Amino acid sequence: MIAIKTLVELFDTCQIENVIAALRFKPEKIVFVGFKKIMTRKKTEDLQRFFAMKQLDIQLEYRIVPRYDYEEIVSGLNAIIDENEDAAFDLTGGKELVLVAMGEISAARSVPMFQFDVRSGEMVRVKNCEDVPETEKPVMSIEENIVLSGGVVVEEPEQPKWNLTEDFEKDAAIMWDICRKSCRAWNRNSGIIKMFEAVNESGEGLFVKVSASKMRELPDEKIMDELVKSGMIKNYAVGDVVTFEYKNDQVRRVLNKAGNILELSVYINAKKIQEQDSQYYDDIDTGVFVDWDGESGGQNDTRNEIDIFVMRDLVPVFVSCKNGEVHKEALYELNTVAEKFGGEYAKKVLVCTYISYSKSSREYILQRARDMKIEVIEDVDLLSGEEFLQEIRKRIR
């Protein structure tokens, strides 16, 4: 078996295709061959940041070739082989004319030539690969994927990460069971509680005290009764003054924002799957905020929140959670973020309790989702706990 010390890599707009062979072989050197308009400074800097995060000390070189001058392409590739006799060609992501040139040189000079299927991770041995070793499938973290795509993960102090203690997971299950009896009522109640928070007079941590005269409407009686019985809310009293106290700050966060309970329930189920099978997901997180250009605070500062972000091998899965009616804007946002940070290999999933009570609106959303290759999981509020878990396992992968 030979060690692949130098990779000749066809530079592609899809960064995953630019790194998959390097992650498999961990060469000493990579020579990227590409066109000037594609091999931009920003993309080469993103590659350098990515390899640094992976702690791979690889020498990177970049060679520009003309798009349509075949003889010049062959000459450039031959020069690379002259300088690096131990080189191998990776065809993953290549363009037609350069692929033909690599094929000619591989045949004439016995240069190993292979390519990778990004989704399966399988290596296709094209030519002269008898001595090329098998390698383990690489993995990539969420943060590494974002950096490779030119962005950066940013922290949002106002939205800390969930602390999934055993006690809180039980609380989340209780609140989800209350919510799914009527998601519309739950969402409305969350909005009312949020308004109570805005005029809270107590100033005492988890305790809320508001004069009834300041509020146009009170919290949903049935939902509040269930929250009190389950211990999520304590000391609830309605009179001239309305008072109540949250069990803890995480419960407070769930009750204050309508969509949090569905997002949290999907996340907890995905984490359970990961605990049952450590290789099912390589990385998973919720409430991931990404800055598009990696330069937080810039003039063109574009940010998005990804509800649930999953990595399986090198494939990112973007999950949007909607605990209420789904509008077309939600599909466009999910599709745009997935294209930016996953390209053609990204998987997109929409998890929702309902799409619309209008038949025509529901059919329109489902058709638009199909057009965008977005997997839709609807009516999750009708599933039992085990059915919910298995649906996540089957569809978010």
Foldseek 3Di string as FASTA:
>chain_A
DDQAAEEEEEDALFLCQRCQVCLFRLHQEYEYEYAPVRPDPLLVVLVVVLCVVVVRNHHYHYHYFDPPDLVRLLVVVVVVCVVPVSYAYECRRHDDSNVVSVVVCCVVNVHFYWYADQVVRDIGGDGSCPPPDGGDQAFDEPQSLLSSLQKGWDDDVVDDFDDDDVVVVVVLVLLLLLCLVDVVLLQVLLQQVLVQVVQFDPPDPQKGKAQPVVDPDDGDPVSVVSCPVVQQKPDADDDRMTIIGGNDVVSVVPSNHSQPSQLVLLQVLVVVVCVVPVLLFVYKGAQTKMFQNHDPPDPPTDIDTFGMWTIHRNEIETEAEEADADDVVVVVVQLVVCCSSGNPRYAAEYEYLAHDPDPVSRVVSVVVCVVSNYHYHYNLSPDDSVRNSVCSSPPRD
